């Protein structure tokens, strides 16, 4: 999904035609829309969102420079009550150049920065002498 949102959207659309896969397909369409950078109104239950590996999608969006997609994914995680939602928002703030905002969001996180790959992205610039590495 990270590299081919059009293909993912089409696959979820086809799967939505079948009664046993319709709910999962609607969730997939929501996550795909967020990865594409579209604002999504539909909140997903946390266990459903987790099935789509939101951290991997957010990291791929950041690596691709797709800040609008990262923002939509961070919002989706926040709506779901994801425990990493504050770290996602912190990473997005950092990428937008708001280091103070990133630190503030990271401090509110229930999850330690060093417990996740995303956290290392945020810790690196906060250590003395590591800016720009």
N, C-alpha and C. Protein backbone atom coordinates (compact mmCIF):
# COMPACT_ATOMS: atom_id res chain seq x y z
N UNK A 1 0.81 -1.18 0.00
CA UNK A 1 0.00 0.00 0.00
C UNK A 1 0.86 1.25 0.00
N UNK A 2 2.01 1.20 0.67
CA UNK A 2 2.84 2.40 0.81
C UNK A 2 3.28 2.93 -0.54
N UNK A 3 3.58 2.06 -1.48
CA UNK A 3 4.08 2.51 -2.76
C UNK A 3 3.04 2.59 -3.86
N UNK A 4 1.92 1.95 -3.67
CA UNK A 4 0.91 1.88 -4.74
C UNK A 4 -0.48 2.07 -4.17
N UNK A 5 -0.82 3.29 -3.84
CA UNK A 5 -2.13 3.54 -3.24
C UNK A 5 -3.25 3.34 -4.24
N UNK A 6 -3.00 3.54 -5.52
CA UNK A 6 -4.03 3.32 -6.53
C UNK A 6 -4.37 1.84 -6.62
N UNK A 7 -3.34 0.99 -6.66
CA UNK A 7 -3.56 -0.45 -6.70
C UNK A 7 -4.26 -0.94 -5.44
N UNK A 8 -3.87 -0.40 -4.29
CA UNK A 8 -4.50 -0.79 -3.03
C UNK A 8 -5.97 -0.37 -3.02
N UNK A 9 -6.24 0.84 -3.46
CA UNK A 9 -7.63 1.32 -3.51
C UNK A 9 -8.48 0.41 -4.39
N UNK A 10 -7.94 0.04 -5.54
CA UNK A 10 -8.69 -0.84 -6.46
C UNK A 10 -8.93 -2.21 -5.84
N UNK A 11 -7.91 -2.75 -5.18
CA UNK A 11 -8.06 -4.07 -4.54
C UNK A 11 -9.10 -4.02 -3.43
N UNK A 12 -9.08 -2.97 -2.62
CA UNK A 12 -10.06 -2.86 -1.55
C UNK A 12 -11.46 -2.63 -2.11
N UNK A 13 -11.56 -1.92 -3.21
CA UNK A 13 -12.85 -1.71 -3.85
C UNK A 13 -13.44 -3.03 -4.33
N UNK A 14 -12.61 -3.87 -4.94
CA UNK A 14 -13.07 -5.20 -5.38
C UNK A 14 -13.47 -6.06 -4.18
N UNK A 15 -12.67 -6.03 -3.13
CA UNK A 15 -12.96 -6.84 -1.94
C UNK A 15 -14.24 -6.38 -1.25
N UNK A 16 -14.57 -5.11 -1.39
CA UNK A 16 -15.77 -4.56 -0.77
C UNK A 16 -17.06 -5.12 -1.34
N UNK A 17 -16.98 -5.79 -2.47
CA UNK A 17 -18.18 -6.37 -3.08
C UNK A 17 -18.61 -7.67 -2.42
N UNK A 18 -17.73 -8.26 -1.63
CA UNK A 18 -18.02 -9.55 -1.00
C UNK A 18 -18.45 -9.33 0.44
N UNK A 19 -19.54 -9.95 0.85
CA UNK A 19 -20.06 -9.73 2.20
C UNK A 19 -19.04 -10.03 3.31
N UNK A 20 -18.23 -11.04 3.17
CA UNK A 20 -17.31 -11.42 4.24
C UNK A 20 -16.07 -10.53 4.32
N UNK A 21 -15.82 -9.76 3.29
CA UNK A 21 -14.64 -8.90 3.30
C UNK A 21 -14.98 -7.41 3.22
N UNK A 22 -16.25 -7.08 3.20
CA UNK A 22 -16.67 -5.70 3.00
C UNK A 22 -16.16 -4.77 4.11
N UNK A 23 -16.26 -5.18 5.36
CA UNK A 23 -15.84 -4.31 6.46
C UNK A 23 -14.33 -4.06 6.42
N UNK A 24 -13.57 -5.12 6.19
CA UNK A 24 -12.11 -4.96 6.08
C UNK A 24 -11.74 -4.11 4.88
N UNK A 25 -12.48 -4.26 3.80
CA UNK A 25 -12.21 -3.48 2.60
C UNK A 25 -12.48 -1.99 2.85
N UNK A 26 -13.55 -1.67 3.55
CA UNK A 26 -13.84 -0.26 3.88
C UNK A 26 -12.73 0.32 4.75
N UNK A 27 -12.24 -0.46 5.70
CA UNK A 27 -11.14 0.00 6.54
C UNK A 27 -9.89 0.22 5.68
N UNK A 28 -9.62 -0.71 4.77
CA UNK A 28 -8.48 -0.57 3.87
C UNK A 28 -8.58 0.67 3.00
N UNK A 29 -9.78 0.96 2.53
CA UNK A 29 -9.97 2.17 1.72
C UNK A 29 -9.69 3.43 2.55
N UNK A 30 -10.08 3.41 3.82
CA UNK A 30 -9.84 4.55 4.70
C UNK A 30 -8.34 4.76 4.91
N UNK A 31 -7.62 3.68 5.21
CA UNK A 31 -6.18 3.78 5.43
C UNK A 31 -5.47 4.18 4.14
N UNK A 32 -5.91 3.63 3.02
CA UNK A 32 -5.32 3.99 1.73
C UNK A 32 -5.52 5.47 1.43
N UNK A 33 -6.70 5.99 1.72
CA UNK A 33 -6.96 7.42 1.50
C UNK A 33 -6.02 8.26 2.35
N UNK A 34 -5.83 7.86 3.60
CA UNK A 34 -4.90 8.60 4.46
C UNK A 34 -3.49 8.53 3.91
N UNK A 35 -3.03 7.36 3.46
CA UNK A 35 -1.68 7.22 2.92
C UNK A 35 -1.50 8.05 1.65
N UNK A 36 -2.60 8.26 0.94
CA UNK A 36 -2.57 9.09 -0.27
C UNK A 36 -2.48 10.57 0.10
N UNK A 37 -2.84 10.90 1.36
CA UNK A 37 -2.78 12.28 1.81
C UNK A 37 -4.14 12.93 1.92
N UNK A 38 -5.19 12.15 1.74
CA UNK A 38 -6.54 12.68 1.86
C UNK A 38 -6.93 12.73 3.34
N UNK A 39 -7.63 13.76 3.73
CA UNK A 39 -8.16 13.84 5.08
C UNK A 39 -9.28 12.81 5.20
N UNK A 40 -9.28 12.06 6.28
CA UNK A 40 -10.32 11.04 6.46
C UNK A 40 -11.15 11.37 7.69
N UNK A 41 -12.43 11.22 7.53
CA UNK A 41 -13.38 11.53 8.61
C UNK A 41 -13.72 10.28 9.41
N UNK A 42 -13.55 9.12 8.80
CA UNK A 42 -13.99 7.86 9.40
C UNK A 42 -12.93 7.31 10.34
N UNK A 43 -13.23 7.27 11.63
CA UNK A 43 -12.31 6.69 12.60
C UNK A 43 -12.40 5.17 12.53
N UNK A 44 -11.27 4.53 12.75
CA UNK A 44 -11.21 3.07 12.77
C UNK A 44 -10.93 2.59 14.19
N UNK A 45 -11.47 1.45 14.57
CA UNK A 45 -11.08 0.87 15.86
C UNK A 45 -9.58 0.57 15.84
N UNK A 46 -8.96 0.68 16.99
CA UNK A 46 -7.51 0.49 17.09
C UNK A 46 -7.06 -0.85 16.53
N UNK A 47 -7.75 -1.93 16.87
CA UNK A 47 -7.32 -3.25 16.39
C UNK A 47 -7.40 -3.36 14.86
N UNK A 48 -8.32 -2.64 14.26
CA UNK A 48 -8.44 -2.64 12.80
C UNK A 48 -7.29 -1.85 12.19
N UNK A 49 -7.02 -0.66 12.74
CA UNK A 49 -5.92 0.15 12.23
C UNK A 49 -4.59 -0.58 12.35
N UNK A 50 -4.37 -1.24 13.48
CA UNK A 50 -3.11 -1.95 13.70
C UNK A 50 -2.84 -3.02 12.64
N UNK A 51 -3.88 -3.59 12.07
CA UNK A 51 -3.71 -4.60 11.03
C UNK A 51 -3.03 -4.04 9.79
N UNK A 52 -3.05 -2.72 9.63
CA UNK A 52 -2.47 -2.08 8.45
C UNK A 52 -1.07 -1.51 8.70
N UNK A 53 -0.48 -1.82 9.85
CA UNK A 53 0.89 -1.38 10.19
C UNK A 53 1.04 0.14 10.02
N UNK A 54 0.33 0.93 10.83
CA UNK A 54 0.35 2.38 10.64
C UNK A 54 1.74 3.01 10.80
N UNK A 55 2.59 2.46 11.67
CA UNK A 55 3.92 3.04 11.82
C UNK A 55 4.73 2.90 10.52
N UNK A 56 4.65 1.74 9.90
CA UNK A 56 5.37 1.54 8.64
C UNK A 56 4.85 2.48 7.56
N UNK A 57 3.53 2.67 7.51
CA UNK A 57 2.96 3.59 6.51
C UNK A 57 3.38 5.03 6.77
N UNK A 58 3.37 5.42 8.05
CA UNK A 58 3.77 6.79 8.40
C UNK A 58 5.25 7.01 8.07
N UNK A 59 6.10 6.04 8.42
CA UNK A 59 7.52 6.18 8.11
C UNK A 59 7.76 6.26 6.61
N UNK A 60 7.03 5.46 5.84
CA UNK A 60 7.22 5.52 4.38
C UNK A 60 6.76 6.86 3.83
N UNK A 61 5.69 7.41 4.41
CA UNK A 61 5.22 8.73 3.97
C UNK A 61 6.27 9.80 4.28
N UNK A 62 6.86 9.72 5.48
CA UNK A 62 7.90 10.69 5.84
C UNK A 62 9.12 10.54 4.94
N UNK A 63 9.52 9.31 4.67
CA UNK A 63 10.68 9.07 3.81
C UNK A 63 10.45 9.56 2.40
N UNK A 64 9.19 9.50 1.95
CA UNK A 64 8.85 9.98 0.61
C UNK A 64 8.62 11.50 0.57
N UNK A 65 8.69 12.15 1.75
CA UNK A 65 8.44 13.59 1.80
C UNK A 65 6.97 13.94 1.66
N UNK A 66 6.08 12.98 1.90
CA UNK A 66 4.64 13.17 1.76
C UNK A 66 4.05 13.58 3.11
N UNK A 67 4.30 14.81 3.51
CA UNK A 67 3.86 15.27 4.83
C UNK A 67 2.35 15.28 4.99
N UNK A 68 1.62 15.53 3.89
CA UNK A 68 0.16 15.50 3.98
C UNK A 68 -0.33 14.08 4.27
N UNK A 69 0.34 13.08 3.72
CA UNK A 69 -0.02 11.69 4.00
C UNK A 69 0.34 11.33 5.44
N UNK A 70 1.50 11.76 5.89
CA UNK A 70 1.90 11.51 7.27
C UNK A 70 0.92 12.16 8.24
N UNK A 71 0.47 13.36 7.93
CA UNK A 71 -0.50 14.06 8.78
C UNK A 71 -1.82 13.31 8.83
N UNK A 72 -2.30 12.85 7.69
CA UNK A 72 -3.57 12.10 7.66
C UNK A 72 -3.44 10.79 8.44
N UNK A 73 -2.30 10.12 8.33
CA UNK A 73 -2.09 8.88 9.07
C UNK A 73 -1.98 9.13 10.57
N UNK A 74 -1.29 10.21 10.94
CA UNK A 74 -1.18 10.57 12.36
C UNK A 74 -2.56 10.92 12.93
N UNK A 75 -3.37 11.63 12.15
CA UNK A 75 -4.73 11.95 12.59
C UNK A 75 -5.57 10.68 12.76
N UNK A 76 -5.44 9.76 11.81
CA UNK A 76 -6.18 8.50 11.88
C UNK A 76 -5.77 7.72 13.13
N UNK A 77 -4.49 7.70 13.43
CA UNK A 77 -4.01 7.01 14.63
C UNK A 77 -4.54 7.69 15.89
N UNK A 78 -4.56 9.01 15.90
CA UNK A 78 -5.10 9.73 17.05
C UNK A 78 -6.57 9.44 17.26
N UNK A 79 -7.34 9.40 16.18
CA UNK A 79 -8.77 9.10 16.27
C UNK A 79 -9.00 7.70 16.84
N UNK A 80 -8.09 6.78 16.52
CA UNK A 80 -8.23 5.39 16.98
C UNK A 80 -7.74 5.21 18.41
N UNK A 81 -7.11 6.23 18.97
CA UNK A 81 -6.55 6.11 20.31
C UNK A 81 -5.27 5.28 20.34
N UNK A 82 -4.55 5.30 19.23
CA UNK A 82 -3.32 4.52 19.13
C UNK A 82 -2.31 5.04 20.14
N UNK A 83 -1.63 4.13 20.87
CA UNK A 83 -0.66 4.58 21.88
C UNK A 83 0.53 5.35 21.29
N UNK A 84 0.80 5.18 20.01
CA UNK A 84 1.92 5.88 19.37
C UNK A 84 1.50 7.16 18.65
N UNK A 85 0.23 7.53 18.77
CA UNK A 85 -0.27 8.69 18.03
C UNK A 85 0.51 9.96 18.35
N UNK A 86 0.88 10.16 19.62
CA UNK A 86 1.66 11.35 19.96
C UNK A 86 3.05 11.32 19.33
N UNK A 87 3.66 10.14 19.25
CA UNK A 87 4.96 10.05 18.58
C UNK A 87 4.82 10.31 17.08
N UNK A 88 3.73 9.83 16.49
CA UNK A 88 3.50 10.10 15.07
C UNK A 88 3.37 11.61 14.84
N UNK A 89 2.60 12.26 15.70
CA UNK A 89 2.42 13.71 15.58
C UNK A 89 3.74 14.44 15.84
N UNK A 90 4.54 13.92 16.77
CA UNK A 90 5.85 14.54 17.05
C UNK A 90 6.78 14.42 15.85
N UNK A 91 6.80 13.26 15.23
CA UNK A 91 7.64 13.07 14.05
C UNK A 91 7.22 14.00 12.92
N UNK A 92 5.93 14.16 12.76
CA UNK A 92 5.42 15.07 11.73
C UNK A 92 5.82 16.51 12.03
N UNK A 93 5.67 16.93 13.30
CA UNK A 93 6.07 18.28 13.68
C UNK A 93 7.55 18.50 13.42
N UNK A 94 8.36 17.52 13.75
CA UNK A 94 9.80 17.63 13.50
C UNK A 94 10.09 17.79 12.01
N UNK A 95 9.45 16.98 11.18
CA UNK A 95 9.66 17.06 9.73
C UNK A 95 9.22 18.40 9.17
N UNK A 96 8.26 19.02 9.81
CA UNK A 96 7.79 20.34 9.38
C UNK A 96 8.65 21.47 9.92
N UNK A 97 9.68 21.11 10.69
CA UNK A 97 10.60 22.10 11.21
C UNK A 97 10.24 22.66 12.57
N UNK A 98 9.25 22.10 13.21
CA UNK A 98 8.79 22.57 14.51
C UNK A 98 9.40 21.69 15.61
N UNK A 99 10.68 21.94 15.92
CA UNK A 99 11.37 21.09 16.90
C UNK A 99 10.77 21.24 18.30
N UNK A 100 10.39 22.45 18.69
CA UNK A 100 9.78 22.64 20.01
C UNK A 100 8.46 21.89 20.09
N UNK A 101 7.66 21.98 19.05
CA UNK A 101 6.39 21.25 19.02
C UNK A 101 6.60 19.75 19.03
N UNK A 102 7.62 19.30 18.34
CA UNK A 102 7.93 17.87 18.31
C UNK A 102 8.31 17.37 19.70
N UNK A 103 9.14 18.14 20.38
CA UNK A 103 9.54 17.75 21.74
C UNK A 103 8.34 17.74 22.69
N UNK A 104 7.48 18.74 22.55
CA UNK A 104 6.30 18.81 23.41
C UNK A 104 5.38 17.61 23.17
N UNK A 105 5.16 17.25 21.91
CA UNK A 105 4.31 16.09 21.61
C UNK A 105 4.96 14.81 22.10
N UNK A 106 6.27 14.69 21.94
CA UNK A 106 6.97 13.48 22.39
C UNK A 106 6.87 13.33 23.91
N UNK A 107 6.90 14.44 24.63
CA UNK A 107 6.79 14.39 26.10
C UNK A 107 5.43 13.89 26.55
N UNK A 108 4.38 14.13 25.75
CA UNK A 108 3.04 13.69 26.14
C UNK A 108 2.79 12.23 25.79
N UNK A 109 3.71 11.62 25.07
CA UNK A 109 3.52 10.23 24.64
C UNK A 109 3.56 9.27 25.81
N UNK A 110 2.68 8.29 25.77
CA UNK A 110 2.66 7.22 26.77
C UNK A 110 3.75 6.19 26.49
N UNK A 111 4.38 6.29 25.33
CA UNK A 111 5.38 5.32 24.89
C UNK A 111 6.74 5.99 24.88
N UNK A 112 7.73 5.32 25.41
CA UNK A 112 9.09 5.86 25.44
C UNK A 112 9.63 6.02 24.02
N UNK A 113 10.37 7.09 23.79
CA UNK A 113 10.96 7.33 22.47
C UNK A 113 11.85 6.19 22.01
N UNK A 114 12.64 5.65 22.92
CA UNK A 114 13.61 4.64 22.49
C UNK A 114 13.00 3.25 22.33
N UNK A 115 11.69 3.13 22.48
CA UNK A 115 11.06 1.83 22.33
C UNK A 115 10.64 1.54 20.89
N UNK A 116 10.71 2.52 20.02
CA UNK A 116 10.23 2.37 18.65
C UNK A 116 11.23 2.93 17.66
N UNK A 117 11.21 2.42 16.45
CA UNK A 117 12.06 2.94 15.39
C UNK A 117 11.78 4.40 15.10
N UNK A 118 10.52 4.78 15.18
CA UNK A 118 10.14 6.17 14.94
C UNK A 118 10.75 7.09 15.99
N UNK A 119 10.85 6.61 17.22
CA UNK A 119 11.43 7.40 18.31
C UNK A 119 12.87 7.76 18.06
N UNK A 120 13.62 6.86 17.44
CA UNK A 120 15.02 7.16 17.17
C UNK A 120 15.14 8.31 16.18
N UNK A 121 14.16 8.45 15.32
CA UNK A 121 14.14 9.57 14.36
C UNK A 121 14.01 10.89 15.10
N UNK A 122 13.29 10.88 16.21
CA UNK A 122 13.09 12.09 16.99
C UNK A 122 14.22 12.34 17.98
N UNK A 123 14.81 11.28 18.53
CA UNK A 123 15.88 11.45 19.50
C UNK A 123 17.15 11.97 18.88
N UNK A 124 17.46 11.55 17.69
CA UNK A 124 18.71 11.93 17.03
C UNK A 124 18.98 13.42 17.07
N UNK A 125 18.04 14.27 16.63
CA UNK A 125 18.35 15.71 16.63
C UNK A 125 18.36 16.33 18.02
N UNK A 126 17.79 15.67 19.01
CA UNK A 126 17.76 16.27 20.35
C UNK A 126 19.04 16.02 21.12
N UNK A 127 19.91 15.17 20.61
CA UNK A 127 21.18 14.93 21.27
C UNK A 127 22.19 15.97 20.80
N UNK A 128 23.00 16.49 21.72
CA UNK A 128 23.99 17.51 21.34
C UNK A 128 24.96 16.97 20.28
N UNK A 129 25.25 17.79 19.30
CA UNK A 129 26.24 17.45 18.28
C UNK A 129 25.77 16.49 17.23
N UNK A 130 24.45 16.20 17.13
CA UNK A 130 23.98 15.24 16.14
C UNK A 130 23.06 15.85 15.10
N UNK A 131 22.88 17.14 15.12
CA UNK A 131 21.97 17.78 14.17
C UNK A 131 22.39 17.49 12.72
N UNK A 132 21.41 17.09 11.93
CA UNK A 132 21.63 16.86 10.51
C UNK A 132 22.22 15.51 10.18
N UNK A 133 22.31 14.63 11.15
CA UNK A 133 22.84 13.30 10.84
C UNK A 133 21.74 12.34 10.54
